[in-house]
PDB file of N, CA and C in Angstrom:
ATOM      1  N   MET A   1     -79.869  75.505 -44.801  1.00  0.00           N
ATOM      2  CA  MET A   1     -78.872  76.128 -45.624  1.00  0.00           C
ATOM      3  C   MET A   1     -78.026  77.115 -44.820  1.00  0.00           C
ATOM      4  N   TRP A   2     -78.669  77.954 -44.016  1.00  0.00           N
ATOM      5  CA  TRP A   2     -77.924  78.943 -43.233  1.00  0.00           C
ATOM      6  C   TRP A   2     -77.092  78.280 -42.147  1.00  0.00           C
ATOM      7  N   ILE A   3     -77.597  77.168 -41.625  1.00  0.00           N
ATOM      8  CA  ILE A   3     -76.828  76.456 -40.600  1.00  0.00           C
ATOM      9  C   ILE A   3     -75.550  75.891 -41.207  1.00  0.00           C
ATOM     10  N   ASN A   4     -75.653  75.346 -42.406  1.00  0.00           N
ATOM     11  CA  ASN A   4     -74.452  74.819 -43.074  1.00  0.00           C
ATOM     12  C   ASN A   4     -73.472  75.940 -43.420  1.00  0.00           C
ATOM     13  N   PHE A   5     -73.986  77.101 -43.803  1.00  0.00           N
ATOM     14  CA  PHE A   5     -73.120  78.247 -44.063  1.00  0.00           C
ATOM     15  C   PHE A   5     -72.408  78.662 -42.770  1.00  0.00           C
ATOM     16  N   GLY A   6     -73.128  78.635 -41.658  1.00  0.00           N
ATOM     17  CA  GLY A   6     -72.533  78.960 -40.360  1.00  0.00           C
ATOM     18  C   GLY A   6     -71.461  77.956 -39.965  1.00  0.00           C
ATOM     19  N   ARG A   7     -71.716  76.677 -40.235  1.00  0.00           N
ATOM     20  CA  ARG A   7     -70.710  75.648 -39.954  1.00  0.00           C
ATOM     21  C   ARG A   7     -69.439  75.900 -40.774  1.00  0.00           C
ATOM     22  N   LEU A   8     -69.610  76.225 -42.044  1.00  0.00           N
ATOM     23  CA  LEU A   8     -68.458  76.521 -42.904  1.00  0.00           C
ATOM     24  C   LEU A   8     -67.705  77.742 -42.382  1.00  0.00           C
ATOM     25  N   LEU A   9     -68.428  78.745 -41.968  1.00  0.00           N
ATOM     26  CA  LEU A   9     -67.811  79.940 -41.398  1.00  0.00           C
ATOM     27  C   LEU A   9     -67.039  79.607 -40.126  1.00  0.00           C
ATOM     28  N   MET A  10     -67.602  78.736 -39.295  1.00  0.00           N
ATOM     29  CA  MET A  10     -66.927  78.349 -38.050  1.00  0.00           C
ATOM     30  C   MET A  10     -65.669  77.537 -38.341  1.00  0.00           C
ATOM     31  N   LEU A  11     -65.718  76.642 -39.329  1.00  0.00           N
ATOM     32  CA  LEU A  11     -64.521  75.885 -39.712  1.00  0.00           C
ATOM     33  C   LEU A  11     -63.424  76.811 -40.229  1.00  0.00           C
ATOM     34  N   THR A  12     -63.823  77.824 -40.987  1.00  0.00           N
ATOM     35  CA  THR A  12     -62.861  78.805 -41.486  1.00  0.00           C
ATOM     36  C   THR A  12     -62.229  79.569 -40.330  1.00  0.00           C
ATOM     37  N   THR A  13     -63.042  79.938 -39.355  1.00  0.00           N
ATOM     38  CA  THR A  13     -62.531  80.656 -38.187  1.00  0.00           C
ATOM     39  C   THR A  13     -61.558  79.794 -37.398  1.00  0.00           C
ATOM     40  N   TRP A  14     -61.926  78.521 -37.158  1.00  0.00           N
ATOM     41  CA  TRP A  14     -61.015  77.609 -36.451  1.00  0.00           C
ATOM     42  C   TRP A  14     -59.709  77.460 -37.221  1.00  0.00           C
ATOM     43  N   GLY A  15     -59.802  77.322 -38.540  1.00  0.00           N
ATOM     44  CA  GLY A  15     -58.604  77.174 -39.357  1.00  0.00           C
ATOM     45  C   GLY A  15     -57.696  78.384 -39.255  1.00  0.00           C
ATOM     46  N   PHE A  16     -58.291  79.568 -39.299  1.00  0.00           N
ATOM     47  CA  PHE A  16     -57.514  80.794 -39.178  1.00  0.00           C
ATOM     48  C   PHE A  16     -56.846  80.889 -37.812  1.00  0.00           C
ATOM     49  N   LEU A  17     -57.579  80.533 -36.759  1.00  0.00           N
ATOM     50  CA  LEU A  17     -57.017  80.596 -35.415  1.00  0.00           C
ATOM     51  C   LEU A  17     -55.924  79.552 -35.207  1.00  0.00           C
ATOM     52  N   LEU A  18     -56.118  78.351 -35.729  1.00  0.00           N
ATOM     53  CA  LEU A  18     -55.118  77.296 -35.564  1.00  0.00           C
ATOM     54  C   LEU A  18     -53.890  77.517 -36.437  1.00  0.00           C
ATOM     55  N   LEU A  19     -54.060  78.235 -37.542  1.00  0.00           N
ATOM     56  CA  LEU A  19     -52.925  78.543 -38.397  1.00  0.00           C
ATOM     57  C   LEU A  19     -51.872  79.330 -37.634  1.00  0.00           C
ATOM     58  N   ASN A  20     -52.294  80.148 -36.692  1.00  0.00           N
ATOM     59  CA  ASN A  20     -51.371  80.945 -35.893  1.00  0.00           C
ATOM     60  C   ASN A  20     -50.465  80.062 -35.032  1.00  0.00           C
ATOM     61  N   LEU A  21     -50.869  78.843 -34.739  1.00  0.00           N
ATOM     62  CA  LEU A  21     -50.028  77.949 -33.947  1.00  0.00           C
ATOM     63  C   LEU A  21     -48.848  77.404 -34.759  1.00  0.00           C
ATOM     64  N   PHE A  22     -49.023  77.302 -36.076  1.00  0.00           N
ATOM     65  CA  PHE A  22     -47.995  76.710 -36.923  1.00  0.00           C
ATOM     66  C   PHE A  22     -47.203  77.747 -37.717  1.00  0.00           C
ATOM     67  N   ARG A  23     -47.849  78.820 -38.073  1.00  0.00           N
ATOM     68  CA  ARG A  23     -47.196  79.892 -38.829  1.00  0.00           C
ATOM     69  C   ARG A  23     -47.616  81.197 -38.162  1.00  0.00           C
ATOM     70  N   PHE A  24     -46.720  81.774 -37.405  1.00  0.00           N
ATOM     71  CA  PHE A  24     -47.053  82.937 -36.602  1.00  0.00           C
ATOM     72  C   PHE A  24     -47.340  84.156 -37.472  1.00  0.00           C
ATOM     73  N   PHE A  25     -48.359  84.884 -37.069  1.00  0.00           N
ATOM     74  CA  PHE A  25     -48.681  86.147 -37.720  1.00  0.00           C
ATOM     75  C   PHE A  25     -47.787  87.243 -37.131  1.00  0.00           C
ATOM     76  N   PRO A  26     -47.760  88.430 -37.727  1.00  0.00           N
ATOM     77  CA  PRO A  26     -46.961  89.523 -37.154  1.00  0.00           C
ATOM     78  C   PRO A  26     -47.386  89.828 -35.715  1.00  0.00           C
ATOM     79  N   LYS A  27     -46.488  90.431 -34.955  1.00  0.00           N
ATOM     80  CA  LYS A  27     -46.656  90.536 -33.498  1.00  0.00           C
ATOM     81  C   LYS A  27     -47.967  91.107 -32.988  1.00  0.00           C
ATOM     82  N   PRO A  28     -48.462  92.243 -33.391  1.00  0.00           N
ATOM     83  CA  PRO A  28     -49.703  92.695 -32.741  1.00  0.00           C
ATOM     84  C   PRO A  28     -50.884  91.771 -33.044  1.00  0.00           C
ATOM     85  N   LEU A  29     -50.962  91.280 -34.279  1.00  0.00           N
ATOM     86  CA  LEU A  29     -52.054  90.389 -34.663  1.00  0.00           C
ATOM     87  C   LEU A  29     -51.921  89.033 -33.981  1.00  0.00           C
ATOM     88  N   ARG A  30     -50.709  88.586 -33.792  1.00  0.00           N
ATOM     89  CA  ARG A  30     -50.449  87.284 -33.170  1.00  0.00           C
ATOM     90  C   ARG A  30     -51.077  87.190 -31.776  1.00  0.00           C
ATOM     91  N   TYR A  31     -50.909  88.233 -30.984  1.00  0.00           N
ATOM     92  CA  TYR A  31     -51.449  88.213 -29.623  1.00  0.00           C
ATOM     93  C   TYR A  31     -52.976  88.270 -29.627  1.00  0.00           C
ATOM     94  N   PHE A  32     -53.526  89.037 -30.551  1.00  0.00           N
ATOM     95  CA  PHE A  32     -54.983  89.098 -30.666  1.00  0.00           C
ATOM     96  C   PHE A  32     -55.556  87.732 -31.043  1.00  0.00           C
ATOM     97  N   ILE A  33     -54.908  87.038 -31.971  1.00  0.00           N
ATOM     98  CA  ILE A  33     -55.373  85.716 -32.402  1.00  0.00           C
ATOM     99  C   ILE A  33     -55.275  84.718 -31.250  1.00  0.00           C
ATOM    100  N   ASP A  34     -54.222  84.787 -30.457  1.00  0.00           N
ATOM    101  CA  ASP A  34     -54.095  83.900 -29.298  1.00  0.00           C
ATOM    102  C   ASP A  34     -55.229  84.125 -28.299  1.00  0.00           C
ATOM    103  N   VAL A  35     -55.530  85.377 -28.022  1.00  0.00           N
ATOM    104  CA  VAL A  35     -56.623  85.699 -27.097  1.00  0.00           C
ATOM    105  C   VAL A  35     -57.960  85.250 -27.678  1.00  0.00           C
ATOM    106  N   ALA A  36     -58.157  85.456 -28.973  1.00  0.00           N
ATOM    107  CA  ALA A  36     -59.406  85.050 -29.621  1.00  0.00           C
ATOM    108  C   ALA A  36     -59.574  83.531 -29.576  1.00  0.00           C
ATOM    109  N   MET A  37     -58.491  82.778 -29.755  1.00  0.00           N
ATOM    110  CA  MET A  37     -58.593  81.318 -29.714  1.00  0.00           C
ATOM    111  C   MET A  37     -58.932  80.836 -28.303  1.00  0.00           C
ATOM    112  N   ILE A  38     -58.310  81.423 -27.307  1.00  0.00           N
ATOM    113  CA  ILE A  38     -58.627  81.045 -25.922  1.00  0.00           C
ATOM    114  C   ILE A  38     -60.077  81.374 -25.606  1.00  0.00           C
ATOM    115  N   PHE A  39     -60.533  82.545 -26.036  1.00  0.00           N
ATOM    116  CA  PHE A  39     -61.920  82.939 -25.794  1.00  0.00           C
ATOM    117  C   PHE A  39     -62.896  82.004 -26.495  1.00  0.00           C
ATOM    118  N   MET A  40     -62.593  81.631 -27.744  1.00  0.00           N
ATOM    119  CA  MET A  40     -63.487  80.746 -28.491  1.00  0.00           C
ATOM    120  C   MET A  40     -63.537  79.360 -27.855  1.00  0.00           C
ATOM    121  N   MET A  41     -62.395  78.841 -27.423  1.00  0.00           N
ATOM    122  CA  MET A  41     -62.385  77.535 -26.758  1.00  0.00           C
ATOM    123  C   MET A  41     -63.169  77.595 -25.444  1.00  0.00           C
ATOM    124  N   LEU A  42     -63.029  78.680 -24.722  1.00  0.00           N
ATOM    125  CA  LEU A  42     -63.752  78.847 -23.464  1.00  0.00           C
ATOM    126  C   LEU A  42     -65.264  78.922 -23.699  1.00  0.00           C
ATOM    127  N   MET A  43     -65.686  79.691 -24.673  1.00  0.00           N
ATOM    128  CA  MET A  43     -67.117  79.848 -24.942  1.00  0.00           C
ATOM    129  C   MET A  43     -67.743  78.549 -25.462  1.00  0.00           C
ATOM    130  N   HIS A  44     -67.062  77.862 -26.359  1.00  0.00           N
ATOM    131  CA  HIS A  44     -67.617  76.611 -26.887  1.00  0.00           C
ATOM    132  C   HIS A  44     -67.622  75.528 -25.804  1.00  0.00           C
ATOM    133  N   GLY A  45     -66.610  75.519 -24.964  1.00  0.00           N
ATOM    134  CA  GLY A  45     -66.607  74.586 -23.836  1.00  0.00           C
ATOM    135  C   GLY A  45     -67.729  74.887 -22.859  1.00  0.00           C
ATOM    136  N   LEU A  46     -67.992  76.163 -22.633  1.00  0.00           N
ATOM    137  CA  LEU A  46     -69.093  76.560 -21.749  1.00  0.00           C
ATOM    138  C   LEU A  46     -70.443  76.162 -22.332  1.00  0.00           C
ATOM    139  N   GLN A  47     -70.619  76.340 -23.636  1.00  0.00           N
ATOM    140  CA  GLN A  47     -71.853  75.908 -24.294  1.00  0.00           C
ATOM    141  C   GLN A  47     -72.069  74.413 -24.106  1.00  0.00           C
ATOM    142  N   LEU A  48     -71.012  73.651 -24.315  1.00  0.00           N
ATOM    143  CA  LEU A  48     -71.108  72.202 -24.180  1.00  0.00           C
ATOM    144  C   LEU A  48     -71.407  71.804 -22.746  1.00  0.00           C
ATOM    145  N   ALA A  49     -70.759  72.442 -21.784  1.00  0.00           N
ATOM    146  CA  ALA A  49     -70.999  72.122 -20.371  1.00  0.00           C
ATOM    147  C   ALA A  49     -72.424  72.454 -19.966  1.00  0.00           C
ATOM    148  N   LEU A  50     -72.941  73.584 -20.423  1.00  0.00           N
ATOM    149  CA  LEU A  50     -74.321  73.958 -20.090  1.00  0.00           C
ATOM    150  C   LEU A  50     -75.324  72.994 -20.717  1.00  0.00           C
ATOM    151  N   LEU A  51     -75.070  72.584 -21.949  1.00  0.00           N
ATOM    152  CA  LEU A  51     -75.971  71.625 -22.593  1.00  0.00           C
ATOM    153  C   LEU A  51     -75.948  70.290 -21.867  1.00  0.00           C
ATOM    154  N   ARG A  52     -74.752  69.820 -21.525  1.00  0.00           N
ATOM    155  CA  ARG A  52     -74.650  68.534 -20.823  1.00  0.00           C
ATOM    156  C   ARG A  52     -75.334  68.575 -19.461  1.00  0.00           C
ATOM    157  N   SER A  53     -75.271  69.710 -18.780  1.00  0.00           N
ATOM    158  CA  SER A  53     -75.878  69.798 -17.449  1.00  0.00           C
ATOM    159  C   SER A  53     -77.400  69.887 -17.514  1.00  0.00           C
ATOM    160  N   THR A  54     -77.942  70.320 -18.640  1.00  0.00           N
ATOM    161  CA  THR A  54     -79.403  70.429 -18.749  1.00  0.00           C
ATOM    162  C   THR A  54     -80.041  69.210 -19.412  1.00  0.00           C
ATOM    163  N   GLN A  55     -79.231  68.304 -19.951  1.00  0.00           N
ATOM    164  CA  GLN A  55     -79.775  67.100 -20.578  1.00  0.00           C
ATOM    165  C   GLN A  55     -80.291  66.127 -19.533  1.00  0.00           C
ATOM    166  N   PRO A  56     -81.443  65.499 -19.804  1.00  0.00           N
ATOM    167  CA  PRO A  56     -81.902  64.438 -18.901  1.00  0.00           C
ATOM    168  C   PRO A  56     -80.919  63.271 -18.905  1.00  0.00           C
ATOM    169  N   LYS A  57     -80.842  62.561 -17.786  1.00  0.00           N
ATOM    170  CA  LYS A  57     -79.883  61.451 -17.649  1.00  0.00           C
ATOM    171  C   LYS A  57     -80.201  60.294 -18.593  1.00  0.00           C
ATOM    172  N   ASP A  58     -81.478  60.145 -18.977  1.00  0.00           N
ATOM    173  CA  ASP A  58     -81.849  59.034 -19.861  1.00  0.00           C
ATOM    174  C   ASP A  58     -81.606  59.355 -21.341  1.00  0.00           C
ATOM    175  N   GLN A  59     -81.177  60.577 -21.657  1.00  0.00           N
ATOM    176  CA  GLN A  59     -80.881  60.957 -23.035  1.00  0.00           C
ATOM    177  C   GLN A  59     -79.457  61.515 -23.133  1.00  0.00           C
ATOM    178  N   PRO A  60     -78.432  60.663 -23.004  1.00  0.00           N
ATOM    179  CA  PRO A  60     -77.060  61.178 -23.064  1.00  0.00           C
ATOM    180  C   PRO A  60     -76.703  61.633 -24.484  1.00  0.00           C
ATOM    181  N   ILE A  61     -75.767  62.534 -24.569  1.00  0.00           N
ATOM    182  CA  ILE A  61     -75.277  63.037 -25.851  1.00  0.00           C
ATOM    183  C   ILE A  61     -74.047  62.219 -26.229  1.00  0.00           C
ATOM    184  N   SER A  62     -74.007  61.759 -27.470  1.00  0.00           N
ATOM    185  CA  SER A  62     -72.865  60.938 -27.911  1.00  0.00           C
ATOM    186  C   SER A  62     -71.589  61.776 -27.972  1.00  0.00           C
ATOM    187  N   GLY A  63     -70.478  61.097 -27.952  1.00  0.00           N
ATOM    188  CA  GLY A  63     -69.190  61.775 -28.017  1.00  0.00           C
ATOM    189  C   GLY A  63     -69.008  62.533 -29.316  1.00  0.00           C
ATOM    190  N   TRP A  64     -69.485  61.949 -30.425  1.00  0.00           N
ATOM    191  CA  TRP A  64     -69.381  62.612 -31.718  1.00  0.00           C
ATOM    192  C   TRP A  64     -70.211  63.894 -31.729  1.00  0.00           C
ATOM    193  N   GLN A  65     -71.405  63.836 -31.146  1.00  0.00           N
ATOM    194  CA  GLN A  65     -72.272  65.012 -31.080  1.00  0.00           C
ATOM    195  C   GLN A  65     -71.634  66.095 -30.211  1.00  0.00           C
ATOM    196  N   GLN A  66     -71.016  65.702 -29.113  1.00  0.00           N
ATOM    197  CA  GLN A  66     -70.345  66.672 -28.247  1.00  0.00           C
ATOM    198  C   GLN A  66     -69.179  67.339 -28.976  1.00  0.00           C
ATOM    199  N   THR A  67     -68.438  66.564 -29.769  1.00  0.00           N
ATOM    200  CA  THR A  67     -67.329  67.121 -30.542  1.00  0.00           C
ATOM    201  C   THR A  67     -67.844  68.129 -31.568  1.00  0.00           C
ATOM    202  N   LYS A  68     -68.927  67.786 -32.249  1.00  0.00           N
ATOM    203  CA  LYS A  68     -69.501  68.702 -33.226  1.00  0.00           C
ATOM    204  C   LYS A  68     -69.998  69.982 -32.560  1.00  0.00           C
ATOM    205  N   ILE A  69     -70.588  69.866 -31.372  1.00  0.00           N
ATOM    206  CA  ILE A  69     -71.059  71.054 -30.658  1.00  0.00           C
ATOM    207  C   ILE A  69     -69.879  71.922 -30.247  1.00  0.00           C
ATOM    208  N   PHE A  70     -68.782  71.303 -29.817  1.00  0.00           N
ATOM    209  CA  PHE A  70     -67.605  72.089 -29.444  1.00  0.00           C
ATOM    210  C   PHE A  70     -67.004  72.813 -30.653  1.00  0.00           C
ATOM    211  N   ILE A  71     -66.962  72.155 -31.797  1.00  0.00           N
ATOM    212  CA  ILE A  71     -66.349  72.762 -32.982  1.00  0.00           C
ATOM    213  C   ILE A  71     -67.250  73.825 -33.604  1.00  0.00           C
ATOM    214  N   PHE A  72     -68.526  73.502 -33.802  1.00  0.00           N
ATOM    215  CA  PHE A  72     -69.413  74.406 -34.534  1.00  0.00           C
ATOM    216  C   PHE A  72     -70.204  75.354 -33.643  1.00  0.00           C
ATOM    217  N   GLY A  73     -70.238  75.117 -32.356  1.00  0.00           N
ATOM    218  CA  GLY A  73     -70.892  76.030 -31.427  1.00  0.00           C
ATOM    219  C   GLY A  73     -72.386  76.143 -31.625  1.00  0.00           C
ATOM    220  N   VAL A  74     -72.861  77.361 -31.704  1.00  0.00           N
ATOM    221  CA  VAL A  74     -74.298  77.620 -31.745  1.00  0.00           C
ATOM    222  C   VAL A  74     -74.941  77.077 -33.018  1.00  0.00           C
ATOM    223  N   PHE A  75     -74.183  76.969 -34.090  1.00  0.00           N
ATOM    224  CA  PHE A  75     -74.760  76.446 -35.332  1.00  0.00           C
ATOM    225  C   PHE A  75     -75.129  74.973 -35.186  1.00  0.00           C
ATOM    226  N   GLU A  76     -74.304  74.215 -34.498  1.00  0.00           N
ATOM    227  CA  GLU A  76     -74.620  72.805 -34.259  1.00  0.00           C
ATOM    228  C   GLU A  76     -75.763  72.677 -33.250  1.00  0.00           C
ATOM    229  N   LEU A  77     -75.806  73.576 -32.273  1.00  0.00           N
ATOM    230  CA  LEU A  77     -76.912  73.555 -31.318  1.00  0.00           C
ATOM    231  C   LEU A  77     -78.245  73.826 -32.010  1.00  0.00           C
ATOM    232  N   LEU A  78     -78.251  74.744 -32.968  1.00  0.00           N
ATOM    233  CA  LEU A  78     -79.476  75.022 -33.722  1.00  0.00           C
ATOM    234  C   LEU A  78     -79.898  73.814 -34.551  1.00  0.00           C
ATOM    235  N   ALA A  79     -78.938  73.156 -35.197  1.00  0.00           N
ATOM    236  CA  ALA A  79     -79.257  71.959 -35.986  1.00  0.00           C
ATOM    237  C   ALA A  79     -79.751  70.843 -35.073  1.00  0.00           C
ATOM    238  N   TRP A  80     -79.115  70.696 -33.911  1.00  0.00           N
ATOM    239  CA  TRP A  80     -79.504  69.658 -32.956  1.00  0.00           C
ATOM    240  C   TRP A  80     -80.913  69.932 -32.416  1.00  0.00           C
ATOM    241  N   GLN A  81     -81.209  71.195 -32.125  1.00  0.00           N
ATOM    242  CA  GLN A  81     -82.541  71.573 -31.633  1.00  0.00           C
ATOM    243  C   GLN A  81     -83.599  71.309 -32.703  1.00  0.00           C
ATOM    244  N   LYS A  82     -83.275  71.588 -33.949  1.00  0.00           N
ATOM    245  CA  LYS A  82     -84.202  71.349 -35.046  1.00  0.00           C
ATOM    246  C   LYS A  82     -84.533  69.857 -35.164  1.00  0.00           C
ATOM    247  N   LYS A  83     -83.503  69.008 -35.010  1.00  0.00           N
ATOM    248  CA  LYS A  83     -83.731  67.560 -35.044  1.00  0.00           C
ATOM    249  C   LYS A  83     -84.592  67.109 -33.866  1.00  0.00           C
ATOM    250  N   GLN A  84     -84.361  67.673 -32.692  1.00  0.00           N
ATOM    251  CA  GLN A  84     -85.117  67.299 -31.505  1.00  0.00           C
ATOM    252  C   GLN A  84     -86.599  67.658 -31.655  1.00  0.00           C
ATOM    253  N   LEU A  85     -86.892  68.769 -32.288  1.00  0.00           N
ATOM    254  CA  LEU A  85     -88.278  69.172 -32.483  1.00  0.00           C
ATOM    255  C   LEU A  85     -89.000  68.287 -33.492  1.00  0.00           C
ATOM    256  N   GLN A  86     -88.258  67.685 -34.419  1.00  0.00           N
ATOM    257  CA  GLN A  86     -88.850  66.826 -35.429  1.00  0.00           C
ATOM    258  C   GLN A  86     -89.078  65.394 -34.931  1.00  0.00           C
ATOM    259  N   LEU A  87     -88.449  65.021 -33.839  1.00  0.00           N
ATOM    260  CA  LEU A  87     -88.633  63.664 -33.296  1.00  0.00           C
ATOM    261  C   LEU A  87     -90.041  63.512 -32.740  1.00  0.00           C
ATOM    262  N   PRO A  88     -90.653  62.329 -32.911  1.00  0.00           N
ATOM    263  CA  PRO A  88     -91.998  62.130 -32.358  1.00  0.00           C
ATOM    264  C   PRO A  88     -91.949  62.111 -30.833  1.00  0.00           C
ATOM    265  N   LYS A  89     -92.978  62.666 -30.228  1.00  0.00           N
ATOM    266  CA  LYS A  89     -93.083  62.704 -28.761  1.00  0.00           C
ATOM    267  C   LYS A  89     -93.476  61.331 -28.234  1.00  0.00           C
ATOM    268  N   LYS A  90     -92.942  61.000 -27.048  1.00  0.00           N
ATOM    269  CA  LYS A  90     -93.282  59.701 -26.432  1.00  0.00           C
ATOM    270  C   LYS A  90     -94.507  59.854 -25.558  1.00  0.00           C
TER     271      LYS A  90
END
């Protein structure tokens, strides 16, 4: 439940940040939103790069899963980790 709430919160944040690209906010807020969007893209990209570098070669991450991790960030990583723990061990 909390993970889904976090995903909704992240979608709202992305929407607010992307809204600035189409309808500019007033000047001081506009620059802050631009910096926040660059920072968020950088952090989510870094999360994805770190996850991809630590994954074993025999267990690749699908493109859809990578997209979800980039969009939802740590909330998707928590959901993904929860699924991994529930999988039976080989």
